[in-house]
Amino acid sequence: MSVLAAVGQSRPCAARRGSAGSRTPRLVRAAIGTVLPRGRHLSTEADGAAAGHFPSMLQADLQFLLFEMLDVEGLMRGRPRFRDHDRDVVQGSLDMAARLSCERFANHSRKGDLQEPRWDGGKESVPVLIPEVREACQALAASGLLNAHGDYKDGGLQLPFMVTCAMMMTIYATNVGSSSYSMLTIAAGNLLKKYGSPKQKELLLAPMTTGAYFGTMNLSEPSVGSSLGDITTSARPVGDGVHYLIAGSKMWISGGDHDLGDNIVVRATTHF
């Protein structure tokens, strides 16, 4: 089962080391060093300053939203699904996400802008990203965040989805480019859980929660833009219950091709 690593109080990145909270349930308590090695520092002074400021600033806002406005504690007390969790678990999860954003995503935010993906034009090749992107996405997957809101039986932690969103918000703020690959995967996984066939779930869900497979967004089309109800691209099953033929045109496909994982899961409307 994936686990979220809970760490201590929010502090600027350069000072954060973290330790498991003593009152955090064992289910979500793990050594943060297994995901983020101790002693790792940000690569540039500018990125370090930005990263230390952003998560610290966000912590107060996220705490207000979760605990005061949305009453996540009341939700957890009132739903059997969340009975293993309390305020300490939520706070530990936010702290983990803040450290993950500082140590794995902030260190290449500027570099990712300056060094765009490379593609040599070969028929069998894929765009190549800077190595830090893969390292960051794999660290995020190892933390358990991709499936934090999933069922226990599927390797998830059954945290409220609003907590998953809050954790990802900290990472978005630090490096929206690299974190988008994981965001697309979470979104594709949610859709697959809801509408996928048993065979599709068996083949795709587990790799998507471990970072082996990634998701993508295929929306905007030349004739209708991003109007979801008007898109015409569709997928036709070929008869084996797994493979589909896709027909249509897209203006762009977010996360449509890269070297971060072994496979990319595409969502499309089916017509039987």
Protein backbone atom coordinates (compact mmCIF):
# COMPACT_ATOMS: atom_id res chain seq x y z
CA MET A 1 0.00 0.00 0.00
CA SER A 2 1.24 3.48 -0.82
CA VAL A 3 1.75 5.72 2.17
CA LEU A 4 1.88 9.45 2.62
CA ALA A 5 4.88 10.60 4.58
CA ALA A 6 3.84 12.94 7.37
CA VAL A 7 6.35 15.55 8.49
CA GLY A 8 6.53 18.31 11.08
CA GLN A 9 5.40 21.93 11.08
CA SER A 10 5.67 24.05 7.95
CA ARG A 11 8.96 25.94 7.67
CA PRO A 12 10.94 27.51 4.84
CA CYS A 13 12.40 24.88 2.53
CA ALA A 14 16.04 25.31 3.38
CA ALA A 15 15.30 24.59 7.04
CA ARG A 16 12.70 21.86 6.66
CA ARG A 17 13.81 18.36 7.63
CA GLY A 18 10.60 16.87 9.03
CA SER A 19 9.72 14.02 11.35
CA ALA A 20 6.69 11.81 11.70
CA GLY A 21 4.09 13.35 13.99
CA SER A 22 3.65 11.32 17.16
CA ARG A 23 -0.16 11.46 17.01
CA THR A 24 -0.46 10.66 13.30
CA PRO A 25 -2.11 7.25 12.73
CA ARG A 26 0.33 4.54 11.70
CA LEU A 27 -1.48 4.09 8.40
CA VAL A 28 -0.08 7.32 7.01
CA ARG A 29 3.16 7.52 8.98
CA ALA A 30 6.38 6.75 7.17
CA ALA A 31 9.97 7.95 7.04
CA ILE A 32 10.14 10.93 4.72
CA GLY A 33 13.71 10.00 3.90
CA THR A 34 12.49 7.09 1.79
CA VAL A 35 10.92 9.58 -0.61
CA LEU A 36 13.01 12.71 -0.17
CA PRO A 37 16.60 12.00 0.92
CA ARG A 38 17.77 14.14 3.81
CA GLY A 39 20.32 16.81 3.06
CA ARG A 40 19.07 17.52 -0.46
CA HIS A 41 19.10 21.23 -1.19
CA LEU A 42 17.61 23.45 -3.85
CA SER A 43 19.83 24.04 -6.85
CA THR A 44 19.61 27.83 -7.08
CA GLU A 45 19.29 30.63 -4.55
CA ALA A 46 16.41 32.22 -6.48
CA ASP A 47 14.41 29.01 -6.68
CA GLY A 48 15.11 28.30 -3.02
CA ALA A 49 13.82 31.69 -1.91
CA ALA A 50 10.69 31.36 -4.00
CA ALA A 51 10.01 27.84 -2.82
CA GLY A 52 10.49 28.72 0.83
CA HIS A 53 8.06 31.60 0.54
CA PHE A 54 5.33 30.01 -1.55
CA PRO A 55 4.48 26.90 0.53
CA SER A 56 4.76 28.84 3.80
CA MET A 57 2.37 31.45 2.44
CA LEU A 58 -0.01 28.80 1.16
CA GLN A 59 -0.09 26.84 4.39
CA ALA A 60 -2.12 29.47 6.23
CA ASP A 61 -4.55 29.80 3.34
CA LEU A 62 -4.98 26.05 2.95
CA GLN A 63 -5.44 25.56 6.68
CA PHE A 64 -8.18 28.21 6.71
CA LEU A 65 -9.93 26.68 3.70
CA LEU A 66 -9.77 23.10 4.97
CA PHE A 67 -10.33 23.53 8.68
CA GLU A 68 -12.46 26.67 8.90
CA MET A 69 -14.34 27.15 5.65
CA LEU A 70 -14.80 23.57 4.37
CA ASP A 71 -14.73 21.89 7.82
CA VAL A 72 -12.74 18.86 6.73
CA GLU A 73 -12.66 17.67 10.35
CA GLY A 74 -16.45 17.54 10.45
CA LEU A 75 -16.43 15.63 7.18
CA MET A 76 -13.97 13.06 8.54
CA ARG A 77 -15.94 12.63 11.78
CA GLY A 78 -19.21 12.23 9.92
CA ARG A 79 -18.17 9.73 7.26
CA PRO A 80 -17.08 6.16 8.10
CA ARG A 81 -14.84 6.24 5.03
CA PHE A 82 -12.55 8.78 6.72
CA ARG A 83 -12.66 7.43 10.29
CA ASP A 84 -8.90 6.70 10.35
CA HIS A 85 -8.04 10.35 9.75
CA ASP A 86 -7.99 13.52 11.83
CA ARG A 87 -6.55 17.02 11.81
CA ASP A 88 -3.02 15.75 12.45
CA VAL A 89 -3.20 13.52 9.38
CA VAL A 90 -4.37 16.41 7.19
CA GLN A 91 -1.72 18.77 8.53
CA GLY A 92 0.99 16.14 8.13
CA SER A 93 -0.11 15.58 4.55
CA LEU A 94 0.08 19.31 3.80
CA ASP A 95 3.56 19.46 5.33
CA MET A 96 4.68 16.51 3.24
CA ALA A 97 3.43 18.19 0.07
CA ALA A 98 5.21 21.43 1.01
CA ARG A 99 8.51 19.63 1.43
CA LEU A 100 7.99 17.62 -1.75
CA SER A 101 7.38 20.84 -3.68
CA CYS A 102 10.49 22.46 -2.24
CA GLU A 103 12.92 19.61 -2.66
CA ARG A 104 11.75 18.01 -5.89
CA PHE A 105 9.86 20.63 -7.91
CA ALA A 106 11.34 24.03 -7.06
CA ASN A 107 14.86 22.95 -8.03
CA HIS A 108 14.07 22.93 -11.77
CA SER A 109 11.16 25.33 -12.22
CA ARG A 110 13.28 27.90 -14.06
CA LYS A 111 15.36 25.28 -15.84
CA GLY A 112 12.24 23.65 -17.22
CA ASP A 113 11.22 26.96 -18.80
CA LEU A 114 14.63 27.53 -20.34
CA GLN A 115 15.21 23.98 -21.61
CA GLU A 116 12.11 22.90 -23.48
CA PRO A 117 11.46 19.24 -24.40
CA ARG A 118 13.66 17.92 -27.21
CA TRP A 119 12.52 15.79 -30.12
CA ASP A 120 14.82 14.53 -32.87
CA GLY A 121 12.00 13.94 -35.35
CA GLY A 122 12.43 10.18 -35.48
CA LYS A 123 9.32 8.11 -36.11
CA GLU A 124 9.75 6.00 -32.97
CA SER A 125 11.12 8.72 -30.68
CA VAL A 126 9.29 10.71 -28.01
CA PRO A 127 9.96 14.21 -26.65
CA VAL A 128 12.72 14.13 -24.04
CA LEU A 129 12.32 16.25 -20.88
CA ILE A 130 15.03 17.39 -18.51
CA PRO A 131 15.76 14.55 -16.02
CA GLU A 132 14.53 16.53 -13.00
CA VAL A 133 10.95 16.29 -14.26
CA ARG A 134 10.98 12.49 -14.14
CA GLU A 135 12.65 12.52 -10.72
CA ALA A 136 10.01 14.90 -9.36
CA CYS A 137 7.07 12.94 -10.80
CA GLN A 138 8.43 9.65 -9.48
CA ALA A 139 8.95 11.17 -6.01
CA LEU A 140 5.35 12.41 -6.07
CA ALA A 141 4.13 8.94 -7.05
CA ALA A 142 6.26 7.32 -4.33
CA SER A 143 4.70 9.62 -1.72
CA GLY A 144 1.28 8.09 -2.40
CA LEU A 145 -0.26 11.37 -3.51
CA LEU A 146 -1.51 10.04 -6.87
CA ASN A 147 -3.94 7.77 -5.03
CA ALA A 148 -4.28 9.46 -1.65
CA HIS A 149 -8.06 9.71 -2.05
CA GLY A 150 -8.42 6.17 -3.43
CA ASP A 151 -9.94 3.18 -1.67
CA TYR A 152 -7.87 1.07 0.69
CA LYS A 153 -8.58 -1.95 -1.47
CA ASP A 154 -6.95 -0.18 -4.42
CA GLY A 155 -3.87 0.87 -2.46
CA GLY A 156 -5.21 4.32 -1.59
CA LEU A 157 -5.49 6.11 1.74
CA GLN A 158 -9.14 7.19 1.61
CA LEU A 159 -8.31 10.80 2.38
CA PRO A 160 -10.97 13.34 1.38
CA PHE A 161 -10.38 14.48 -2.19
CA MET A 162 -10.22 18.08 -1.00
CA VAL A 163 -7.04 17.13 0.89
CA THR A 164 -5.51 15.70 -2.28
CA CYS A 165 -6.38 18.96 -4.06
CA ALA A 166 -4.83 21.02 -1.27
CA MET A 167 -1.61 19.02 -1.39
CA MET A 168 -1.38 19.40 -5.15
CA MET A 169 -2.02 23.15 -4.83
CA THR A 170 1.26 23.58 -2.96
CA ILE A 171 3.10 21.73 -5.71
CA TYR A 172 1.34 23.63 -8.51
CA ALA A 173 2.42 26.90 -6.93
CA THR A 174 6.05 25.80 -6.99
CA ASN A 175 6.22 24.30 -10.50
CA VAL A 176 3.00 24.10 -12.47
CA GLY A 177 4.73 22.71 -15.56
CA SER A 178 6.18 19.56 -14.03
CA SER A 179 3.30 18.96 -11.62
CA SER A 180 0.79 19.00 -14.48
CA TYR A 181 1.86 15.52 -15.59
CA SER A 182 0.79 14.14 -12.23
CA MET A 183 -2.38 16.25 -12.17
CA LEU A 184 -3.44 14.84 -15.54
CA THR A 185 -2.79 11.33 -14.25
CA ILE A 186 -4.94 11.87 -11.15
CA ALA A 187 -7.76 13.24 -13.33
CA ALA A 188 -7.54 10.35 -15.80
CA GLY A 189 -7.50 7.86 -12.93
CA ASN A 190 -10.62 9.39 -11.39
CA LEU A 191 -12.45 9.03 -14.70
CA LEU A 192 -11.26 5.47 -15.13
CA LYS A 193 -12.47 4.53 -11.65
CA LYS A 194 -15.91 5.91 -12.47
CA TYR A 195 -16.46 4.74 -16.04
CA GLY A 196 -13.79 2.19 -16.90
CA SER A 197 -14.58 -1.46 -17.52
CA PRO A 198 -13.30 -4.05 -15.02
CA LYS A 199 -10.62 -5.08 -17.51
CA GLN A 200 -9.49 -1.50 -18.09
CA LYS A 201 -9.25 -0.90 -14.36
CA GLU A 202 -7.26 -4.08 -13.88
CA LEU A 203 -4.78 -3.17 -16.61
CA LEU A 204 -4.39 0.56 -16.04
CA LEU A 205 -5.21 1.78 -12.54
CA ALA A 206 -2.35 0.25 -10.57
CA PRO A 207 0.40 1.52 -12.94
CA MET A 208 -1.21 4.96 -12.92
CA THR A 209 -0.95 5.19 -9.14
CA THR A 210 2.72 4.11 -9.07
CA GLY A 211 3.98 6.49 -11.76
CA ALA A 212 4.55 3.80 -14.40
CA TYR A 213 1.66 5.08 -16.54
CA PHE A 214 0.57 8.68 -17.00
CA GLY A 215 -2.67 10.34 -18.04
CA THR A 216 -3.33 13.04 -20.60
CA MET A 217 -5.90 15.69 -21.53
CA ASN A 218 -7.25 15.68 -25.09
CA LEU A 219 -9.86 18.44 -25.33
CA SER A 220 -9.42 21.39 -27.68
CA GLU A 221 -10.33 20.91 -31.36
CA PRO A 222 -9.91 23.30 -34.34
CA SER A 223 -13.65 23.62 -34.98
CA VAL A 224 -15.02 23.95 -31.42
CA GLY A 225 -12.12 25.01 -29.22
CA SER A 226 -12.48 23.71 -25.66
CA SER A 227 -16.28 23.26 -25.65
CA LEU A 228 -16.43 19.75 -24.19
CA GLY A 229 -20.00 19.06 -25.32
CA ASP A 230 -19.19 19.85 -28.94
CA ILE A 231 -16.03 17.84 -29.55
CA THR A 232 -16.26 15.20 -32.26
CA THR A 233 -13.19 13.03 -31.72
CA SER A 234 -14.27 9.52 -30.77
CA ALA A 235 -12.92 6.06 -30.07
CA ARG A 236 -14.24 2.86 -31.62
CA PRO A 237 -13.57 -0.50 -29.92
CA VAL A 238 -11.88 -3.12 -32.08
CA GLY A 239 -13.52 -6.04 -30.27
CA ASP A 240 -11.01 -7.28 -27.72
CA GLY A 241 -12.31 -5.12 -24.85
CA VAL A 242 -9.01 -3.27 -24.52
CA HIS A 243 -7.95 -1.56 -27.74
CA TYR A 244 -9.67 1.31 -29.57
CA LEU A 245 -9.22 3.21 -32.83
CA ILE A 246 -9.38 6.98 -32.32
CA ALA A 247 -10.53 9.33 -35.08
CA GLY A 248 -10.46 13.13 -34.90
CA SER A 249 -8.27 16.22 -34.73
CA LYS A 250 -6.87 18.11 -31.74
CA MET A 251 -5.22 21.50 -31.48
CA TRP A 252 -2.91 20.16 -28.78
CA ILE A 253 -2.77 17.32 -26.27
CA SER A 254 -1.50 18.13 -22.78
CA GLY A 255 0.96 15.45 -21.71
CA GLY A 256 0.30 13.58 -24.94
CA ASP A 257 3.83 12.27 -25.49
CA HIS A 258 6.87 12.16 -23.23
CA ASP A 259 9.49 9.86 -21.70
CA LEU A 260 8.33 9.97 -18.07
CA GLY A 261 6.73 6.52 -17.94
CA ASP A 262 6.04 3.33 -19.84
CA ASN A 263 2.61 4.23 -21.19
CA ILE A 264 0.16 7.14 -21.54
CA VAL A 265 -3.57 6.66 -20.96
CA VAL A 266 -5.82 8.57 -23.36
CA ARG A 267 -9.46 9.47 -22.64
CA ALA A 268 -11.97 9.59 -25.48
CA THR A 269 -15.73 9.40 -26.08
CA THR A 270 -16.81 5.99 -27.31
CA HIS A 271 -19.54 5.21 -29.83
CA PHE A 272 -20.70 1.60 -29.92
